[in-house]
């Protein structure tokens, strides 16, 4: 009997893109510690990772991590930008913002 038929090598898994890991970690940091900076880093490195993975022709993995970083980054930055716009509009209209008023005094 030939035992070699049971000794198959496992399929090789391509290494993950470093940019994809950075994007996912920055996306998490954007939700926990530094919302604006972490989210910007997650978005920028996520797009860089997607391009890097696409151009590697299967030599790099981590597309899911890059996507997770992008989603976390965009979900955090959109409300942040909307809040900043709302404050700017209120200031332009002359609406009193209690938090900013206390800083001005």
PDB file of N, CA and C in Angstrom:
ATOM      1  N   UNK A   1       0.831  -1.181   0.000  1.00  0.00           N
ATOM      2  CA  UNK A   1       0.000   0.000   0.000  1.00  0.00           C
ATOM      3  C   UNK A   1       0.877   1.246   0.000  1.00  0.00           C
ATOM      4  N   UNK A   2       0.433   2.255  -0.680  1.00  0.00           N
ATOM      5  CA  UNK A   2       1.223   3.480  -0.804  1.00  0.00           C
ATOM      6  C   UNK A   2       0.690   4.525   0.164  1.00  0.00           C
ATOM      7  N   UNK A   3       1.511   4.913   1.142  1.00  0.00           N
ATOM      8  CA  UNK A   3       1.105   5.907   2.141  1.00  0.00           C
ATOM      9  C   UNK A   3       1.323   7.340   1.658  1.00  0.00           C
ATOM     10  N   UNK A   4       1.945   7.523   0.533  1.00  0.00           N
ATOM     11  CA  UNK A   4       2.253   8.870   0.042  1.00  0.00           C
ATOM     12  C   UNK A   4       1.004   9.640  -0.383  1.00  0.00           C
ATOM     13  N   UNK A   5      -0.079   8.964  -0.674  1.00  0.00           N
ATOM     14  CA  UNK A   5      -1.287   9.678  -1.105  1.00  0.00           C
ATOM     15  C   UNK A   5      -1.896  10.485   0.036  1.00  0.00           C
ATOM     16  N   UNK A   6      -1.568  10.140   1.271  1.00  0.00           N
ATOM     17  CA  UNK A   6      -2.100  10.862   2.419  1.00  0.00           C
ATOM     18  C   UNK A   6      -1.189  11.989   2.891  1.00  0.00           C
ATOM     19  N   UNK A   7      -0.034  12.110   2.300  1.00  0.00           N
ATOM     20  CA  UNK A   7       0.925  13.134   2.712  1.00  0.00           C
ATOM     21  C   UNK A   7       0.903  14.294   1.721  1.00  0.00           C
ATOM     22  N   UNK A   8      -0.156  15.051   1.760  1.00  0.00           N
ATOM     23  CA  UNK A   8      -0.270  16.199   0.882  1.00  0.00           C
ATOM     24  C   UNK A   8       0.202  17.445   1.616  1.00  0.00           C
ATOM     25  N   UNK A   9       0.787  18.336   0.885  1.00  0.00           N
ATOM     26  CA  UNK A   9       1.215  19.597   1.494  1.00  0.00           C
ATOM     27  C   UNK A   9       0.017  20.530   1.574  1.00  0.00           C
ATOM     28  N   UNK A  10      -0.103  21.251   2.682  1.00  0.00           N
ATOM     29  CA  UNK A  10      -1.223  22.197   2.791  1.00  0.00           C
ATOM     30  C   UNK A  10      -1.056  23.341   1.805  1.00  0.00           C
ATOM     31  N   UNK A  11      -2.161  23.928   1.363  1.00  0.00           N
ATOM     32  CA  UNK A  11      -2.043  25.053   0.421  1.00  0.00           C
ATOM     33  C   UNK A  11      -1.351  26.230   1.103  1.00  0.00           C
ATOM     34  N   UNK A  12      -0.515  26.891   0.363  1.00  0.00           N
ATOM     35  CA  UNK A  12       0.214  28.036   0.935  1.00  0.00           C
ATOM     36  C   UNK A  12      -0.702  29.255   0.991  1.00  0.00           C
ATOM     37  N   UNK A  13      -0.640  29.940   2.107  1.00  0.00           N
ATOM     38  CA  UNK A  13      -1.449  31.137   2.319  1.00  0.00           C
ATOM     39  C   UNK A  13      -0.540  32.343   2.120  1.00  0.00           C
ATOM     40  N   UNK A  14      -0.933  33.276   1.257  1.00  0.00           N
ATOM     41  CA  UNK A  14      -0.065  34.442   1.049  1.00  0.00           C
ATOM     42  C   UNK A  14       0.009  35.305   2.311  1.00  0.00           C
ATOM     43  N   UNK A  15       1.134  35.948   2.533  1.00  0.00           N
ATOM     44  CA  UNK A  15       1.252  36.817   3.715  1.00  0.00           C
ATOM     45  C   UNK A  15       0.329  38.025   3.591  1.00  0.00           C
ATOM     46  N   UNK A  16      -0.067  38.525   4.735  1.00  0.00           N
ATOM     47  CA  UNK A  16      -0.937  39.700   4.751  1.00  0.00           C
ATOM     48  C   UNK A  16      -0.146  40.968   4.465  1.00  0.00           C
ATOM     49  N   UNK A  17      -0.804  41.896   3.833  1.00  0.00           N
ATOM     50  CA  UNK A  17      -0.216  43.198   3.561  1.00  0.00           C
ATOM     51  C   UNK A  17      -0.043  43.967   4.869  1.00  0.00           C
ATOM     52  N   UNK A  18       1.111  44.558   5.043  1.00  0.00           N
ATOM     53  CA  UNK A  18       1.368  45.365   6.239  1.00  0.00           C
ATOM     54  C   UNK A  18       0.438  46.569   6.284  1.00  0.00           C
ATOM     55  N   UNK A  19       0.183  47.162   5.141  1.00  0.00           N
ATOM     56  CA  UNK A  19      -0.720  48.310   5.078  1.00  0.00           C
ATOM     57  C   UNK A  19      -2.138  47.930   5.508  1.00  0.00           C
ATOM     58  N   UNK A  20      -2.557  46.711   5.186  1.00  0.00           N
ATOM     59  CA  UNK A  20      -3.886  46.253   5.585  1.00  0.00           C
ATOM     60  C   UNK A  20      -3.969  46.138   7.105  1.00  0.00           C
ATOM     61  N   UNK A  21      -2.904  45.618   7.711  1.00  0.00           N
ATOM     62  CA  UNK A  21      -2.890  45.515   9.178  1.00  0.00           C
ATOM     63  C   UNK A  21      -2.889  46.894   9.817  1.00  0.00           C
ATOM     64  N   UNK A  22      -2.102  47.807   9.261  1.00  0.00           N
ATOM     65  CA  UNK A  22      -2.058  49.178   9.793  1.00  0.00           C
ATOM     66  C   UNK A  22      -3.426  49.832   9.670  1.00  0.00           C
ATOM     67  N   UNK A  23      -4.098  49.610   8.551  1.00  0.00           N
ATOM     68  CA  UNK A  23      -5.421  50.200   8.340  1.00  0.00           C
ATOM     69  C   UNK A  23      -6.420  49.704   9.373  1.00  0.00           C
ATOM     70  N   UNK A  24      -6.435  48.402   9.619  1.00  0.00           N
ATOM     71  CA  UNK A  24      -7.389  47.863  10.579  1.00  0.00           C
ATOM     72  C   UNK A  24      -7.073  48.351  11.996  1.00  0.00           C
ATOM     73  N   UNK A  25      -5.805  48.357  12.366  1.00  0.00           N
ATOM     74  CA  UNK A  25      -5.418  48.826  13.708  1.00  0.00           C
ATOM     75  C   UNK A  25      -5.748  50.303  13.870  1.00  0.00           C
ATOM     76  N   UNK A  26      -5.463  51.103  12.841  1.00  0.00           N
ATOM     77  CA  UNK A  26      -5.769  52.535  12.919  1.00  0.00           C
ATOM     78  C   UNK A  26      -7.275  52.772  12.995  1.00  0.00           C
ATOM     79  N   UNK A  27      -8.054  51.940  12.305  1.00  0.00           N
ATOM     80  CA  UNK A  27      -9.508  52.057  12.390  1.00  0.00           C
ATOM     81  C   UNK A  27     -10.014  51.796  13.797  1.00  0.00           C
ATOM     82  N   UNK A  28      -9.426  50.806  14.460  1.00  0.00           N
ATOM     83  CA  UNK A  28      -9.803  50.519  15.850  1.00  0.00           C
ATOM     84  C   UNK A  28      -9.362  51.657  16.756  1.00  0.00           C
ATOM     85  N   UNK A  29      -8.154  52.153  16.558  1.00  0.00           N
ATOM     86  CA  UNK A  29      -7.651  53.286  17.351  1.00  0.00           C
ATOM     87  C   UNK A  29      -8.539  54.510  17.137  1.00  0.00           C
ATOM     88  N   UNK A  30      -9.037  54.682  15.916  1.00  0.00           N
ATOM     89  CA  UNK A  30      -9.937  55.796  15.625  1.00  0.00           C
ATOM     90  C   UNK A  30     -11.218  55.738  16.428  1.00  0.00           C
ATOM     91  N   UNK A  31     -11.669  54.557  16.777  1.00  0.00           N
ATOM     92  CA  UNK A  31     -12.893  54.427  17.581  1.00  0.00           C
ATOM     93  C   UNK A  31     -12.611  54.510  19.065  1.00  0.00           C
ATOM     94  N   UNK A  32     -11.367  54.203  19.478  1.00  0.00           N
ATOM     95  CA  UNK A  32     -11.076  54.098  20.909  1.00  0.00           C
ATOM     96  C   UNK A  32     -10.322  55.313  21.447  1.00  0.00           C
ATOM     97  N   UNK A  33      -9.276  55.751  20.747  1.00  0.00           N
ATOM     98  CA  UNK A  33      -8.390  56.775  21.305  1.00  0.00           C
ATOM     99  C   UNK A  33      -8.380  58.107  20.550  1.00  0.00           C
ATOM    100  N   UNK A  34      -8.152  58.058  19.271  1.00  0.00           N
ATOM    101  CA  UNK A  34      -7.951  59.283  18.492  1.00  0.00           C
ATOM    102  C   UNK A  34      -8.859  59.275  17.268  1.00  0.00           C
ATOM    103  N   UNK A  35     -10.092  59.781  17.417  1.00  0.00           N
ATOM    104  CA  UNK A  35     -11.071  59.643  16.338  1.00  0.00           C
ATOM    105  C   UNK A  35     -10.646  60.209  14.984  1.00  0.00           C
ATOM    106  N   UNK A  36     -10.216  61.425  14.935  1.00  0.00           N
ATOM    107  CA  UNK A  36      -9.943  62.042  13.638  1.00  0.00           C
ATOM    108  C   UNK A  36      -8.658  61.503  13.012  1.00  0.00           C
ATOM    109  N   UNK A  37      -7.592  61.451  13.779  1.00  0.00           N
ATOM    110  CA  UNK A  37      -6.296  61.003  13.244  1.00  0.00           C
ATOM    111  C   UNK A  37      -6.330  59.524  12.899  1.00  0.00           C
ATOM    112  N   UNK A  38      -6.849  58.706  13.804  1.00  0.00           N
ATOM    113  CA  UNK A  38      -6.919  57.270  13.546  1.00  0.00           C
ATOM    114  C   UNK A  38      -7.751  56.954  12.317  1.00  0.00           C
ATOM    115  N   UNK A  39      -8.854  57.661  12.151  1.00  0.00           N
ATOM    116  CA  UNK A  39      -9.720  57.420  11.005  1.00  0.00           C
ATOM    117  C   UNK A  39      -9.061  57.835   9.698  1.00  0.00           C
ATOM    118  N   UNK A  40      -8.380  58.965   9.705  1.00  0.00           N
ATOM    119  CA  UNK A  40      -7.670  59.393   8.491  1.00  0.00           C
ATOM    120  C   UNK A  40      -6.589  58.397   8.102  1.00  0.00           C
ATOM    121  N   UNK A  41      -5.827  57.925   9.086  1.00  0.00           N
ATOM    122  CA  UNK A  41      -4.779  56.930   8.812  1.00  0.00           C
ATOM    123  C   UNK A  41      -5.403  55.641   8.291  1.00  0.00           C
ATOM    124  N   UNK A  42      -6.515  55.223   8.879  1.00  0.00           N
ATOM    125  CA  UNK A  42      -7.190  53.991   8.442  1.00  0.00           C
ATOM    126  C   UNK A  42      -7.656  54.104   6.998  1.00  0.00           C
ATOM    127  N   UNK A  43      -8.200  55.245   6.629  1.00  0.00           N
ATOM    128  CA  UNK A  43      -8.697  55.427   5.266  1.00  0.00           C
ATOM    129  C   UNK A  43      -7.547  55.465   4.261  1.00  0.00           C
ATOM    130  N   UNK A  44      -6.516  56.225   4.574  1.00  0.00           N
ATOM    131  CA  UNK A  44      -5.388  56.353   3.637  1.00  0.00           C
ATOM    132  C   UNK A  44      -4.674  55.016   3.462  1.00  0.00           C
ATOM    133  N   UNK A  45      -4.330  54.363   4.570  1.00  0.00           N
ATOM    134  CA  UNK A  45      -3.609  53.089   4.462  1.00  0.00           C
ATOM    135  C   UNK A  45      -4.510  51.981   3.920  1.00  0.00           C
ATOM    136  N   UNK A  46      -5.816  52.064   4.158  1.00  0.00           N
ATOM    137  CA  UNK A  46      -6.732  51.072   3.601  1.00  0.00           C
ATOM    138  C   UNK A  46      -6.756  51.115   2.085  1.00  0.00           C
ATOM    139  N   UNK A  47      -6.803  52.321   1.529  1.00  0.00           N
ATOM    140  CA  UNK A  47      -6.778  52.441   0.067  1.00  0.00           C
ATOM    141  C   UNK A  47      -5.417  52.025  -0.493  1.00  0.00           C
ATOM    142  N   UNK A  48      -4.346  52.365   0.216  1.00  0.00           N
ATOM    143  CA  UNK A  48      -3.017  51.935  -0.227  1.00  0.00           C
ATOM    144  C   UNK A  48      -2.902  50.411  -0.197  1.00  0.00           C
ATOM    145  N   UNK A  49      -3.454  49.785   0.838  1.00  0.00           N
ATOM    146  CA  UNK A  49      -3.400  48.329   0.955  1.00  0.00           C
ATOM    147  C   UNK A  49      -4.201  47.662  -0.150  1.00  0.00           C
ATOM    148  N   UNK A  50      -5.393  48.191  -0.439  1.00  0.00           N
ATOM    149  CA  UNK A  50      -6.211  47.621  -1.511  1.00  0.00           C
ATOM    150  C   UNK A  50      -5.451  47.637  -2.840  1.00  0.00           C
ATOM    151  N   UNK A  51      -4.805  48.754  -3.133  1.00  0.00           N
ATOM    152  CA  UNK A  51      -4.038  48.859  -4.372  1.00  0.00           C
ATOM    153  C   UNK A  51      -2.853  47.893  -4.357  1.00  0.00           C
ATOM    154  N   UNK A  52      -2.152  47.830  -3.218  1.00  0.00           N
ATOM    155  CA  UNK A  52      -0.997  46.950  -3.090  1.00  0.00           C
ATOM    156  C   UNK A  52      -1.397  45.475  -3.279  1.00  0.00           C
ATOM    157  N   UNK A  53      -2.515  45.077  -2.685  1.00  0.00           N
ATOM    158  CA  UNK A  53      -2.988  43.698  -2.795  1.00  0.00           C
ATOM    159  C   UNK A  53      -3.421  43.398  -4.230  1.00  0.00           C
ATOM    160  N   UNK A  54      -4.122  44.334  -4.840  1.00  0.00           N
ATOM    161  CA  UNK A  54      -4.581  44.151  -6.224  1.00  0.00           C
ATOM    162  C   UNK A  54      -3.395  44.012  -7.180  1.00  0.00           C
ATOM    163  N   UNK A  55      -2.366  44.822  -6.992  1.00  0.00           N
ATOM    164  CA  UNK A  55      -1.206  44.798  -7.886  1.00  0.00           C
ATOM    165  C   UNK A  55      -0.273  43.621  -7.616  1.00  0.00           C
ATOM    166  N   UNK A  56      -0.427  42.927  -6.477  1.00  0.00           N
ATOM    167  CA  UNK A  56       0.476  41.818  -6.153  1.00  0.00           C
ATOM    168  C   UNK A  56       0.098  40.525  -6.885  1.00  0.00           C
ATOM    169  N   UNK A  57      -1.039  40.495  -7.528  1.00  0.00           N
ATOM    170  CA  UNK A  57      -1.486  39.329  -8.304  1.00  0.00           C
ATOM    171  C   UNK A  57      -1.510  38.059  -7.463  1.00  0.00           C
ATOM    172  N   UNK A  58      -2.101  38.156  -6.269  1.00  0.00           N
ATOM    173  CA  UNK A  58      -2.258  36.982  -5.427  1.00  0.00           C
ATOM    174  C   UNK A  58      -1.097  36.686  -4.491  1.00  0.00           C
ATOM    175  N   UNK A  59      -0.062  37.495  -4.523  1.00  0.00           N
ATOM    176  CA  UNK A  59       1.100  37.275  -3.654  1.00  0.00           C
ATOM    177  C   UNK A  59       0.901  37.831  -2.254  1.00  0.00           C
ATOM    178  N   UNK A  60      -0.078  38.728  -2.079  1.00  0.00           N
ATOM    179  CA  UNK A  60      -0.383  39.311  -0.776  1.00  0.00           C
ATOM    180  C   UNK A  60      -1.843  39.085  -0.437  1.00  0.00           C
ATOM    181  N   UNK A  61      -2.103  38.897   0.852  1.00  0.00           N
ATOM    182  CA  UNK A  61      -3.466  38.767   1.338  1.00  0.00           C
ATOM    183  C   UNK A  61      -3.798  39.950   2.227  1.00  0.00           C
ATOM    184  N   UNK A  62      -4.918  39.875   2.901  1.00  0.00           N
ATOM    185  CA  UNK A  62      -5.308  40.928   3.829  1.00  0.00           C
ATOM    186  C   UNK A  62      -6.364  41.871   3.305  1.00  0.00           C
ATOM    187  N   UNK A  63      -7.047  41.463   2.242  1.00  0.00           N
ATOM    188  CA  UNK A  63      -8.070  42.337   1.675  1.00  0.00           C
ATOM    189  C   UNK A  63      -9.190  42.603   2.676  1.00  0.00           C
ATOM    190  N   UNK A  64      -9.542  41.604   3.465  1.00  0.00           N
ATOM    191  CA  UNK A  64     -10.582  41.778   4.471  1.00  0.00           C
ATOM    192  C   UNK A  64     -10.181  42.772   5.552  1.00  0.00           C
ATOM    193  N   UNK A  65      -8.914  42.728   5.956  1.00  0.00           N
ATOM    194  CA  UNK A  65      -8.440  43.686   6.967  1.00  0.00           C
ATOM    195  C   UNK A  65      -8.446  45.101   6.413  1.00  0.00           C
ATOM    196  N   UNK A  66      -8.060  45.247   5.143  1.00  0.00           N
ATOM    197  CA  UNK A  66      -8.075  46.574   4.523  1.00  0.00           C
ATOM    198  C   UNK A  66      -9.503  47.105   4.442  1.00  0.00           C
ATOM    199  N   UNK A  67     -10.433  46.235   4.091  1.00  0.00           N
ATOM    200  CA  UNK A  67     -11.841  46.636   4.027  1.00  0.00           C
ATOM    201  C   UNK A  67     -12.355  47.025   5.409  1.00  0.00           C
ATOM    202  N   UNK A  68     -11.983  46.244   6.423  1.00  0.00           N
ATOM    203  CA  UNK A  68     -12.410  46.557   7.795  1.00  0.00           C
ATOM    204  C   UNK A  68     -11.866  47.913   8.229  1.00  0.00           C
ATOM    205  N   UNK A  69     -10.609  48.188   7.912  1.00  0.00           N
ATOM    206  CA  UNK A  69     -10.020  49.486   8.245  1.00  0.00           C
ATOM    207  C   UNK A  69     -10.730  50.632   7.546  1.00  0.00           C
ATOM    208  N   UNK A  70     -11.067  50.432   6.282  1.00  0.00           N
ATOM    209  CA  UNK A  70     -11.785  51.466   5.533  1.00  0.00           C
ATOM    210  C   UNK A  70     -13.173  51.714   6.121  1.00  0.00           C
ATOM    211  N   UNK A  71     -13.887  50.652   6.430  1.00  0.00           N
ATOM    212  CA  UNK A  71     -15.235  50.798   6.988  1.00  0.00           C
ATOM    213  C   UNK A  71     -15.172  51.504   8.334  1.00  0.00           C
ATOM    214  N   UNK A  72     -14.263  51.073   9.208  1.00  0.00           N
ATOM    215  CA  UNK A  72     -14.132  51.717  10.518  1.00  0.00           C
ATOM    216  C   UNK A  72     -13.747  53.190  10.377  1.00  0.00           C
ATOM    217  N   UNK A  73     -12.834  53.470   9.455  1.00  0.00           N
ATOM    218  CA  UNK A  73     -12.404  54.854   9.244  1.00  0.00           C
ATOM    219  C   UNK A  73     -13.514  55.742   8.736  1.00  0.00           C
ATOM    220  N   UNK A  74     -14.228  55.276   7.704  1.00  0.00           N
ATOM    221  CA  UNK A  74     -15.310  56.089   7.147  1.00  0.00           C
ATOM    222  C   UNK A  74     -16.467  56.252   8.126  1.00  0.00           C
ATOM    223  N   UNK A  75     -16.792  55.185   8.864  1.00  0.00           N
ATOM    224  CA  UNK A  75     -17.889  55.288   9.838  1.00  0.00           C
ATOM    225  C   UNK A  75     -17.570  56.263  10.966  1.00  0.00           C
ATOM    226  N   UNK A  76     -16.302  56.444  11.265  1.00  0.00           N
ATOM    227  CA  UNK A  76     -15.922  57.382  12.324  1.00  0.00           C
ATOM    228  C   UNK A  76     -15.747  58.798  11.784  1.00  0.00           C
ATOM    229  N   UNK A  77     -15.222  58.943  10.592  1.00  0.00           N
ATOM    230  CA  UNK A  77     -14.893  60.287  10.103  1.00  0.00           C
ATOM    231  C   UNK A  77     -16.122  61.035   9.593  1.00  0.00           C
ATOM    232  N   UNK A  78     -17.108  60.346   9.064  1.00  0.00           N
ATOM    233  CA  UNK A  78     -18.288  61.033   8.537  1.00  0.00           C
ATOM    234  C   UNK A  78     -19.016  61.808   9.633  1.00  0.00           C
ATOM    235  N   UNK A  79     -19.337  61.210  10.792  1.00  0.00           N
ATOM    236  CA  UNK A  79     -19.983  62.009  11.848  1.00  0.00           C
ATOM    237  C   UNK A  79     -19.080  63.120  12.382  1.00  0.00           C
ATOM    238  N   UNK A  80     -17.764  62.869  12.426  1.00  0.00           N
ATOM    239  CA  UNK A  80     -16.848  63.903  12.907  1.00  0.00           C
ATOM    240  C   UNK A  80     -16.870  65.124  11.994  1.00  0.00           C
ATOM    241  N   UNK A  81     -16.829  64.889  10.696  1.00  0.00           N
ATOM    242  CA  UNK A  81     -16.853  65.994   9.735  1.00  0.00           C
ATOM    243  C   UNK A  81     -18.199  66.717   9.787  1.00  0.00           C
ATOM    244  N   UNK A  82     -19.293  65.975   9.932  1.00  0.00           N
ATOM    245  CA  UNK A  82     -20.610  66.611  10.022  1.00  0.00           C
ATOM    246  C   UNK A  82     -20.722  67.484  11.270  1.00  0.00           C
ATOM    247  N   UNK A  83     -20.160  67.021  12.393  1.00  0.00           N
ATOM    248  CA  UNK A  83     -20.181  67.834  13.618  1.00  0.00           C
ATOM    249  C   UNK A  83     -19.355  69.107  13.464  1.00  0.00           C
ATOM    250  N   UNK A  84     -18.196  68.981  12.840  1.00  0.00           N
ATOM    251  CA  UNK A  84     -17.355  70.156  12.619  1.00  0.00           C
ATOM    252  C   UNK A  84     -18.086  71.154  11.719  1.00  0.00           C
ATOM    253  N   UNK A  85     -18.734  70.657  10.665  1.00  0.00           N
ATOM    254  CA  UNK A  85     -19.497  71.536   9.770  1.00  0.00           C
ATOM    255  C   UNK A  85     -20.646  72.217  10.513  1.00  0.00           C
ATOM    256  N   UNK A  86     -21.321  71.476  11.386  1.00  0.00           N
ATOM    257  CA  UNK A  86     -22.430  72.054  12.147  1.00  0.00           C
ATOM    258  C   UNK A  86     -21.944  73.172  13.059  1.00  0.00           C
ATOM    259  N   UNK A  87     -20.804  72.985  13.710  1.00  0.00           N
ATOM    260  CA  UNK A  87     -20.259  74.026  14.588  1.00  0.00           C
ATOM    261  C   UNK A  87     -19.863  75.251  13.772  1.00  0.00           C
ATOM    262  N   UNK A  88     -19.247  75.044  12.627  1.00  0.00           N
ATOM    263  CA  UNK A  88     -18.850  76.173  11.773  1.00  0.00           C
ATOM    264  C   UNK A  88     -20.078  76.933  11.293  1.00  0.00           C
ATOM    265  N   UNK A  89     -21.128  76.226  10.908  1.00  0.00           N
ATOM    266  CA  UNK A  89     -22.363  76.887  10.460  1.00  0.00           C
ATOM    267  C   UNK A  89     -22.995  77.675  11.599  1.00  0.00           C
ATOM    268  N   UNK A  90     -23.007  77.083  12.800  1.00  0.00           N
ATOM    269  CA  UNK A  90     -23.577  77.791  13.958  1.00  0.00           C
ATOM    270  C   UNK A  90     -22.787  79.060  14.268  1.00  0.00           C
ATOM    271  N   UNK A  91     -21.471  78.954  14.206  1.00  0.00           N
ATOM    272  CA  UNK A  91     -20.649  80.135  14.469  1.00  0.00           C
ATOM    273  C   UNK A  91     -20.871  81.204  13.406  1.00  0.00           C
ATOM    274  N   UNK A  92     -21.026  80.784  12.150  1.00  0.00           N
ATOM    275  CA  UNK A  92     -21.259  81.739  11.072  1.00  0.00           C
ATOM    276  C   UNK A  92     -22.613  82.422  11.219  1.00  0.00           C
ATOM    277  N   UNK A  93     -23.586  81.709  11.778  1.00  0.00           N
ATOM    278  CA  UNK A  93     -24.915  82.280  11.964  1.00  0.00           C
ATOM    279  C   UNK A  93     -25.011  83.076  13.262  1.00  0.00           C
ATOM    280  N   UNK A  94     -24.003  83.002  14.089  1.00  0.00           N
ATOM    281  CA  UNK A  94     -24.029  83.740  15.339  1.00  0.00           C
ATOM    282  C   UNK A  94     -24.722  83.003  16.469  1.00  0.00           C
ATOM    283  N   UNK A  95     -24.922  81.717  16.315  1.00  0.00           N
ATOM    284  CA  UNK A  95     -25.558  80.914  17.359  1.00  0.00           C
ATOM    285  C   UNK A  95     -24.554  80.695  18.477  1.00  0.00           C
ATOM    286  N   UNK A  96     -25.018  80.834  19.693  1.00  0.00           N
ATOM    287  CA  UNK A  96     -24.152  80.658  20.840  1.00  0.00           C
ATOM    288  C   UNK A  96     -23.922  79.174  21.106  1.00  0.00           C
ATOM    289  N   UNK A  97     -22.655  78.791  21.174  1.00  0.00           N
ATOM    290  CA  UNK A  97     -22.279  77.424  21.508  1.00  0.00           C
ATOM    291  C   UNK A  97     -21.678  77.464  22.906  1.00  0.00           C
ATOM    292  N   UNK A  98     -22.366  76.911  23.913  1.00  0.00           N
ATOM    293  CA  UNK A  98     -21.912  77.041  25.301  1.00  0.00           C
ATOM    294  C   UNK A  98     -20.470  76.585  25.524  1.00  0.00           C
ATOM    295  N   UNK A  99     -20.093  75.493  24.911  1.00  0.00           N
ATOM    296  CA  UNK A  99     -18.739  74.991  25.100  1.00  0.00           C
ATOM    297  C   UNK A  99     -17.701  75.995  24.583  1.00  0.00           C
ATOM    298  N   UNK A 100     -17.939  76.525  23.402  1.00  0.00           N
ATOM    299  CA  UNK A 100     -16.997  77.476  22.825  1.00  0.00           C
ATOM    300  C   UNK A 100     -17.041  78.812  23.563  1.00  0.00           C
ATOM    301  N   UNK A 101     -18.218  79.203  24.044  1.00  0.00           N
ATOM    302  CA  UNK A 101     -18.316  80.444  24.818  1.00  0.00           C
ATOM    303  C   UNK A 101     -17.477  80.380  26.091  1.00  0.00           C
ATOM    304  N   UNK A 102     -17.485  79.228  26.747  1.00  0.00           N
ATOM    305  CA  UNK A 102     -16.696  79.084  27.970  1.00  0.00           C
ATOM    306  C   UNK A 102     -15.204  79.132  27.666  1.00  0.00           C
ATOM    307  N   UNK A 103     -14.799  78.697  26.483  1.00  0.00           N
ATOM    308  CA  UNK A 103     -13.388  78.751  26.117  1.00  0.00           C
ATOM    309  C   UNK A 103     -12.946  80.180  25.803  1.00  0.00           C
ATOM    310  N   UNK A 104     -13.845  80.981  25.273  1.00  0.00           N
ATOM    311  CA  UNK A 104     -13.521  82.356  24.889  1.00  0.00           C
ATOM    312  C   UNK A 104     -13.357  83.279  26.082  1.00  0.00           C
ATOM    313  N   UNK A 105     -13.942  82.941  27.204  1.00  0.00           N
ATOM    314  CA  UNK A 105     -13.899  83.850  28.363  1.00  0.00           C
ATOM    315  C   UNK A 105     -12.643  83.694  29.148  1.00  0.00           C
TER     316      UNK A 105
END
